[in-house]
PDB file of N, CA and C in Angstrom:
ATOM      1  N   MET A   1       0.849  -1.173  -0.015  1.00  0.00           N
ATOM      2  CA  MET A   1       0.018   0.043   0.011  1.00  0.00           C
ATOM      3  C   MET A   1       0.878   1.198  -0.073  1.00  0.00           C
ATOM      4  N   SER A   2       0.611   2.139  -0.869  1.00  0.00           N
ATOM      5  CA  SER A   2       1.488   3.367  -0.977  1.00  0.00           C
ATOM      6  C   SER A   2       1.166   4.319   0.191  1.00  0.00           C
ATOM      7  N   SER A   3       2.169   5.203   0.369  1.00  0.00           N
ATOM      8  CA  SER A   3       1.957   6.160   1.432  1.00  0.00           C
ATOM      9  C   SER A   3       0.831   7.188   1.166  1.00  0.00           C
ATOM     10  N   VAL A   4       0.589   7.454  -0.155  1.00  0.00           N
ATOM     11  CA  VAL A   4      -0.507   8.299  -0.494  1.00  0.00           C
ATOM     12  C   VAL A   4      -1.829   7.722  -0.013  1.00  0.00           C
ATOM     13  N   ARG A   5      -2.036   6.502  -0.269  1.00  0.00           N
ATOM     14  CA  ARG A   5      -3.320   5.819   0.217  1.00  0.00           C
ATOM     15  C   ARG A   5      -3.479   5.876   1.708  1.00  0.00           C
ATOM     16  N   VAL A   6      -2.313   5.582   2.424  1.00  0.00           N
ATOM     17  CA  VAL A   6      -2.393   5.662   3.891  1.00  0.00           C
ATOM     18  C   VAL A   6      -2.780   7.020   4.404  1.00  0.00           C
ATOM     19  N   ILE A   7      -2.185   8.021   3.778  1.00  0.00           N
ATOM     20  CA  ILE A   7      -2.498   9.419   4.142  1.00  0.00           C
ATOM     21  C   ILE A   7      -3.999   9.722   3.865  1.00  0.00           C
ATOM     22  N   GLY A   8      -4.465   9.240   2.684  1.00  0.00           N
ATOM     23  CA  GLY A   8      -5.907   9.389   2.379  1.00  0.00           C
ATOM     24  C   GLY A   8      -6.838   8.707   3.401  1.00  0.00           C
ATOM     25  N   ILE A   9      -6.409   7.486   3.877  1.00  0.00           N
ATOM     26  CA  ILE A   9      -7.298   6.773   4.834  1.00  0.00           C
ATOM     27  C   ILE A   9      -7.274   7.574   6.162  1.00  0.00           C
ATOM     28  N   VAL A  10      -6.059   8.065   6.568  1.00  0.00           N
ATOM     29  CA  VAL A  10      -5.937   8.863   7.843  1.00  0.00           C
ATOM     30  C   VAL A  10      -6.759  10.085   7.823  1.00  0.00           C
ATOM     31  N   VAL A  11      -6.703  10.826   6.629  1.00  0.00           N
ATOM     32  CA  VAL A  11      -7.539  12.027   6.535  1.00  0.00           C
ATOM     33  C   VAL A  11      -8.993  11.715   6.552  1.00  0.00           C
ATOM     34  N   ALA A  12      -9.388  10.598   5.870  1.00  0.00           N
ATOM     35  CA  ALA A  12     -10.818  10.230   5.933  1.00  0.00           C
ATOM     36  C   ALA A  12     -11.304   9.876   7.314  1.00  0.00           C
ATOM     37  N   ILE A  13     -10.380   9.166   8.094  1.00  0.00           N
ATOM     38  CA  ILE A  13     -10.814   8.868   9.494  1.00  0.00           C
ATOM     39  C   ILE A  13     -10.963  10.132  10.310  1.00  0.00           C
ATOM     40  N   ILE A  14     -10.003  11.018  10.158  1.00  0.00           N
ATOM     41  CA  ILE A  14     -10.126  12.347  10.884  1.00  0.00           C
ATOM     42  C   ILE A  14     -11.316  13.090  10.483  1.00  0.00           C
ATOM     43  N   GLY A  15     -11.742  13.095   9.216  1.00  0.00           N
ATOM     44  CA  GLY A  15     -12.903  13.712   8.751  1.00  0.00           C
ATOM     45  C   GLY A  15     -14.162  13.013   9.312  1.00  0.00           C
ATOM     46  N   ALA A  16     -14.183  11.723   9.461  1.00  0.00           N
ATOM     47  CA  ALA A  16     -15.352  11.091  10.113  1.00  0.00           C
ATOM     48  C   ALA A  16     -15.487  11.370  11.578  1.00  0.00           C
ATOM     49  N   VAL A  17     -14.313  11.533  12.210  1.00  0.00           N
ATOM     50  CA  VAL A  17     -14.334  11.882  13.637  1.00  0.00           C
ATOM     51  C   VAL A  17     -14.879  13.307  13.850  1.00  0.00           C
ATOM     52  N   LEU A  18     -14.423  14.261  13.013  1.00  0.00           N
ATOM     53  CA  LEU A  18     -14.897  15.611  13.028  1.00  0.00           C
ATOM     54  C   LEU A  18     -16.393  15.692  12.730  1.00  0.00           C
ATOM     55  N   LEU A  19     -16.802  14.927  11.739  1.00  0.00           N
ATOM     56  CA  LEU A  19     -18.242  14.949  11.360  1.00  0.00           C
ATOM     57  C   LEU A  19     -19.043  14.407  12.550  1.00  0.00           C
ATOM     58  N   PHE A  20     -18.573  13.364  13.212  1.00  0.00           N
ATOM     59  CA  PHE A  20     -19.189  12.747  14.405  1.00  0.00           C
ATOM     60  C   PHE A  20     -19.379  13.874  15.456  1.00  0.00           C
ATOM     61  N   PHE A  21     -18.313  14.563  15.767  1.00  0.00           N
ATOM     62  CA  PHE A  21     -18.402  15.607  16.802  1.00  0.00           C
ATOM     63  C   PHE A  21     -19.347  16.703  16.406  1.00  0.00           C
ATOM     64  N   GLY A  22     -19.356  17.083  15.168  1.00  0.00           N
ATOM     65  CA  GLY A  22     -20.240  18.085  14.668  1.00  0.00           C
ATOM     66  C   GLY A  22     -21.661  17.723  14.747  1.00  0.00           C
ATOM     67  N   LEU A  23     -21.985  16.474  14.440  1.00  0.00           N
ATOM     68  CA  LEU A  23     -23.306  15.988  14.556  1.00  0.00           C
ATOM     69  C   LEU A  23     -23.807  15.922  16.025  1.00  0.00           C
ATOM     70  N   ASN A  24     -22.907  15.446  16.855  1.00  0.00           N
ATOM     71  CA  ASN A  24     -23.230  15.413  18.324  1.00  0.00           C
ATOM     72  C   ASN A  24     -23.459  16.847  18.929  1.00  0.00           C
ATOM     73  N   SER A  25     -22.582  17.773  18.505  1.00  0.00           N
ATOM     74  CA  SER A  25     -22.757  19.101  19.032  1.00  0.00           C
ATOM     75  C   SER A  25     -23.957  19.850  18.491  1.00  0.00           C
ATOM     76  N   SER A  26     -24.429  19.347  17.319  1.00  0.00           N
ATOM     77  CA  SER A  26     -25.691  19.961  16.797  1.00  0.00           C
ATOM     78  C   SER A  26     -26.883  19.606  17.590  1.00  0.00           C
ATOM     79  N   HIS A  27     -26.817  18.673  18.443  1.00  0.00           N
ATOM     80  CA  HIS A  27     -27.910  18.196  19.310  1.00  0.00           C
ATOM     81  C   HIS A  27     -27.825  18.841  20.697  1.00  0.00           C
ATOM     82  N   SER A  28     -26.883  19.676  20.925  1.00  0.00           N
ATOM     83  CA  SER A  28     -26.700  20.267  22.276  1.00  0.00           C
ATOM     84  C   SER A  28     -27.773  21.369  22.525  1.00  0.00           C
ATOM     85  N   PHE A  29     -28.009  21.702  23.729  1.00  0.00           N
ATOM     86  CA  PHE A  29     -29.019  22.734  24.063  1.00  0.00           C
ATOM     87  C   PHE A  29     -28.710  24.081  23.457  1.00  0.00           C
ATOM     88  N   VAL A  30     -27.465  24.511  23.426  1.00  0.00           N
ATOM     89  CA  VAL A  30     -27.037  25.792  22.880  1.00  0.00           C
ATOM     90  C   VAL A  30     -27.339  25.817  21.312  1.00  0.00           C
ATOM     91  N   ASP A  31     -26.941  24.707  20.633  1.00  0.00           N
ATOM     92  CA  ASP A  31     -27.194  24.698  19.184  1.00  0.00           C
ATOM     93  C   ASP A  31     -28.667  24.692  18.917  1.00  0.00           C
ATOM     94  N   ARG A  32     -29.467  23.951  19.650  1.00  0.00           N
ATOM     95  CA  ARG A  32     -30.875  23.861  19.382  1.00  0.00           C
ATOM     96  C   ARG A  32     -31.470  25.238  19.577  1.00  0.00           C
ATOM     97  N   ALA A  33     -31.113  25.921  20.669  1.00  0.00           N
ATOM     98  CA  ALA A  33     -31.634  27.262  20.921  1.00  0.00           C
ATOM     99  C   ALA A  33     -31.163  28.288  19.808  1.00  0.00           C
ATOM    100  N   SER A  34     -29.991  28.148  19.453  1.00  0.00           N
ATOM    101  CA  SER A  34     -29.430  29.058  18.374  1.00  0.00           C
ATOM    102  C   SER A  34     -30.148  28.751  17.079  1.00  0.00           C
ATOM    103  N   GLU A  35     -30.406  27.521  16.764  1.00  0.00           N
ATOM    104  CA  GLU A  35     -31.125  27.136  15.527  1.00  0.00           C
ATOM    105  C   GLU A  35     -32.528  27.604  15.545  1.00  0.00           C
ATOM    106  N   THR A  36     -33.164  27.505  16.717  1.00  0.00           N
ATOM    107  CA  THR A  36     -34.548  27.957  16.890  1.00  0.00           C
ATOM    108  C   THR A  36     -34.655  29.462  16.676  1.00  0.00           C
ATOM    109  N   LEU A  37     -33.745  30.219  17.257  1.00  0.00           N
ATOM    110  CA  LEU A  37     -33.844  31.671  17.220  1.00  0.00           C
ATOM    111  C   LEU A  37     -33.253  32.245  15.870  1.00  0.00           C
ATOM    112  N   THR A  38     -32.202  31.712  15.391  1.00  0.00           N
ATOM    113  CA  THR A  38     -31.578  32.315  14.160  1.00  0.00           C
ATOM    114  C   THR A  38     -31.753  31.484  12.920  1.00  0.00           C
ATOM    115  N   GLY A  39     -32.127  30.257  13.070  1.00  0.00           N
ATOM    116  CA  GLY A  39     -32.271  29.344  11.852  1.00  0.00           C
ATOM    117  C   GLY A  39     -31.064  28.684  11.421  1.00  0.00           C
ATOM    118  N   ARG A  40     -30.030  28.811  12.205  1.00  0.00           N
ATOM    119  CA  ARG A  40     -28.648  28.124  11.817  1.00  0.00           C
ATOM    120  C   ARG A  40     -27.963  27.658  13.012  1.00  0.00           C
ATOM    121  N   TYR A  41     -27.029  26.777  12.900  1.00  0.00           N
ATOM    122  CA  TYR A  41     -26.238  26.289  13.922  1.00  0.00           C
ATOM    123  C   TYR A  41     -25.156  27.297  14.323  1.00  0.00           C
ATOM    124  N   THR A  42     -24.473  27.080  15.455  1.00  0.00           N
ATOM    125  CA  THR A  42     -23.395  27.971  15.900  1.00  0.00           C
ATOM    126  C   THR A  42     -22.209  27.790  14.962  1.00  0.00           C
ATOM    127  N   GLN A  43     -21.298  28.747  14.953  1.00  0.00           N
ATOM    128  CA  GLN A  43     -20.159  28.742  14.082  1.00  0.00           C
ATOM    129  C   GLN A  43     -19.244  27.529  14.252  1.00  0.00           C
ATOM    130  N   ASP A  44     -19.035  27.199  15.583  1.00  0.00           N
ATOM    131  CA  ASP A  44     -18.215  26.025  15.829  1.00  0.00           C
ATOM    132  C   ASP A  44     -18.741  24.704  15.293  1.00  0.00           C
ATOM    133  N   THR A  45     -20.077  24.491  15.422  1.00  0.00           N
ATOM    134  CA  THR A  45     -20.664  23.314  14.833  1.00  0.00           C
ATOM    135  C   THR A  45     -20.603  23.317  13.316  1.00  0.00           C
ATOM    136  N   MET A  46     -20.801  24.395  12.706  1.00  0.00           N
ATOM    137  CA  MET A  46     -20.662  24.473  11.244  1.00  0.00           C
ATOM    138  C   MET A  46     -19.246  24.174  10.780  1.00  0.00           C
ATOM    139  N   VAL A  47     -18.269  24.646  11.582  1.00  0.00           N
ATOM    140  CA  VAL A  47     -16.814  24.340  11.178  1.00  0.00           C
ATOM    141  C   VAL A  47     -16.563  22.873  11.305  1.00  0.00           C
ATOM    142  N   TYR A  48     -17.087  22.198  12.344  1.00  0.00           N
ATOM    143  CA  TYR A  48     -16.932  20.777  12.503  1.00  0.00           C
ATOM    144  C   TYR A  48     -17.505  20.013  11.342  1.00  0.00           C
ATOM    145  N   LEU A  49     -18.762  20.436  10.988  1.00  0.00           N
ATOM    146  CA  LEU A  49     -19.496  19.711   9.930  1.00  0.00           C
ATOM    147  C   LEU A  49     -18.855  19.904   8.542  1.00  0.00           C
ATOM    148  N   ILE A  50     -18.501  21.142   8.222  1.00  0.00           N
ATOM    149  CA  ILE A  50     -17.936  21.418   6.852  1.00  0.00           C
ATOM    150  C   ILE A  50     -16.543  20.807   6.747  1.00  0.00           C
ATOM    151  N   VAL A  51     -15.671  20.965   7.754  1.00  0.00           N
ATOM    152  CA  VAL A  51     -14.296  20.470   7.675  1.00  0.00           C
ATOM    153  C   VAL A  51     -14.418  18.874   7.719  1.00  0.00           C
ATOM    154  N   GLY A  52     -15.258  18.366   8.481  1.00  0.00           N
ATOM    155  CA  GLY A  52     -15.478  16.874   8.560  1.00  0.00           C
ATOM    156  C   GLY A  52     -15.841  16.300   7.185  1.00  0.00           C
ATOM    157  N   ILE A  53     -16.833  16.953   6.533  1.00  0.00           N
ATOM    158  CA  ILE A  53     -17.273  16.478   5.225  1.00  0.00           C
ATOM    159  C   ILE A  53     -16.211  16.591   4.166  1.00  0.00           C
ATOM    160  N   VAL A  54     -15.481  17.712   4.193  1.00  0.00           N
ATOM    161  CA  VAL A  54     -14.417  17.945   3.192  1.00  0.00           C
ATOM    162  C   VAL A  54     -13.322  16.879   3.399  1.00  0.00           C
ATOM    163  N   ALA A  55     -12.904  16.756   4.626  1.00  0.00           N
ATOM    164  CA  ALA A  55     -11.835  15.824   4.920  1.00  0.00           C
ATOM    165  C   ALA A  55     -12.251  14.352   4.589  1.00  0.00           C
ATOM    166  N   LEU A  56     -13.432  14.013   4.950  1.00  0.00           N
ATOM    167  CA  LEU A  56     -13.957  12.655   4.702  1.00  0.00           C
ATOM    168  C   LEU A  56     -13.963  12.386   3.184  1.00  0.00           C
ATOM    169  N   VAL A  57     -14.488  13.244   2.420  1.00  0.00           N
ATOM    170  CA  VAL A  57     -14.584  13.072   0.934  1.00  0.00           C
ATOM    171  C   VAL A  57     -13.196  13.108   0.321  1.00  0.00           C
ATOM    172  N   GLY A  58     -12.442  14.114   0.752  1.00  0.00           N
ATOM    173  CA  GLY A  58     -11.025  14.251   0.141  1.00  0.00           C
ATOM    174  C   GLY A  58     -10.167  13.114   0.475  1.00  0.00           C
ATOM    175  N   GLY A  59     -10.197  12.649   1.687  1.00  0.00           N
ATOM    176  CA  GLY A  59      -9.451  11.515   2.064  1.00  0.00           C
ATOM    177  C   GLY A  59      -9.834  10.203   1.419  1.00  0.00           C
ATOM    178  N   ALA A  60     -11.175  10.061   1.207  1.00  0.00           N
ATOM    179  CA  ALA A  60     -11.666   8.830   0.587  1.00  0.00           C
ATOM    180  C   ALA A  60     -11.240   8.877  -0.895  1.00  0.00           C
ATOM    181  N   LEU A  61     -11.352   9.966  -1.544  1.00  0.00           N
ATOM    182  CA  LEU A  61     -10.912  10.099  -2.934  1.00  0.00           C
ATOM    183  C   LEU A  61      -9.449   9.862  -3.093  1.00  0.00           C
ATOM    184  N   THR A  62      -8.668  10.470  -2.221  1.00  0.00           N
ATOM    185  CA  THR A  62      -7.230  10.176  -2.258  1.00  0.00           C
ATOM    186  C   THR A  62      -6.846   8.755  -1.999  1.00  0.00           C
ATOM    187  N   ALA A  63      -7.566   8.127  -1.098  1.00  0.00           N
ATOM    188  CA  ALA A  63      -7.301   6.703  -0.867  1.00  0.00           C
ATOM    189  C   ALA A  63      -7.592   5.780  -1.992  1.00  0.00           C
ATOM    190  N   LEU A  64      -8.770   6.218  -2.728  1.00  0.00           N
ATOM    191  CA  LEU A  64      -9.253   5.441  -3.826  1.00  0.00           C
ATOM    192  C   LEU A  64      -8.479   5.593  -5.075  1.00  0.00           C
ATOM    193  N   VAL A  65      -8.096   6.899  -5.321  1.00  0.00           N
ATOM    194  CA  VAL A  65      -7.465   7.220  -6.586  1.00  0.00           C
ATOM    195  C   VAL A  65      -5.975   7.456  -6.495  1.00  0.00           C
ATOM    196  N   GLY A  66      -5.502   7.520  -5.297  1.00  0.00           N
ATOM    197  CA  GLY A  66      -4.025   7.757  -5.026  1.00  0.00           C
ATOM    198  C   GLY A  66      -3.163   6.796  -5.812  1.00  0.00           C
ATOM    199  N   ARG A  67      -2.011   7.155  -6.182  1.00  0.00           N
ATOM    200  CA  ARG A  67      -1.069   6.466  -7.092  1.00  0.00           C
ATOM    201  C   ARG A  67      -1.368   4.914  -7.158  1.00  0.00           C
ATOM    202  N   ARG A  68      -1.596   4.545  -8.284  1.00  0.00           N
ATOM    203  CA  ARG A  68      -1.918   3.144  -8.551  1.00  0.00           C
ATOM    204  C   ARG A  68      -0.723   2.431  -9.003  1.00  0.00           C
TER     205      ARG A  68
END
């Protein structure tokens, strides 16, 4: 297995962990109140969700397409 694929797998795992934390924090009392009043999640939760999705997709693509 090449080092590029290993890096892709590690980045995908980190993305999945960040996405998990983002989804858990979106169910907190503060986020629910913020969403109710403003219609959106707090900035911290959005960062976790966006970075998690980007890292998960980017890492998966790197692992799948990385140097064959």
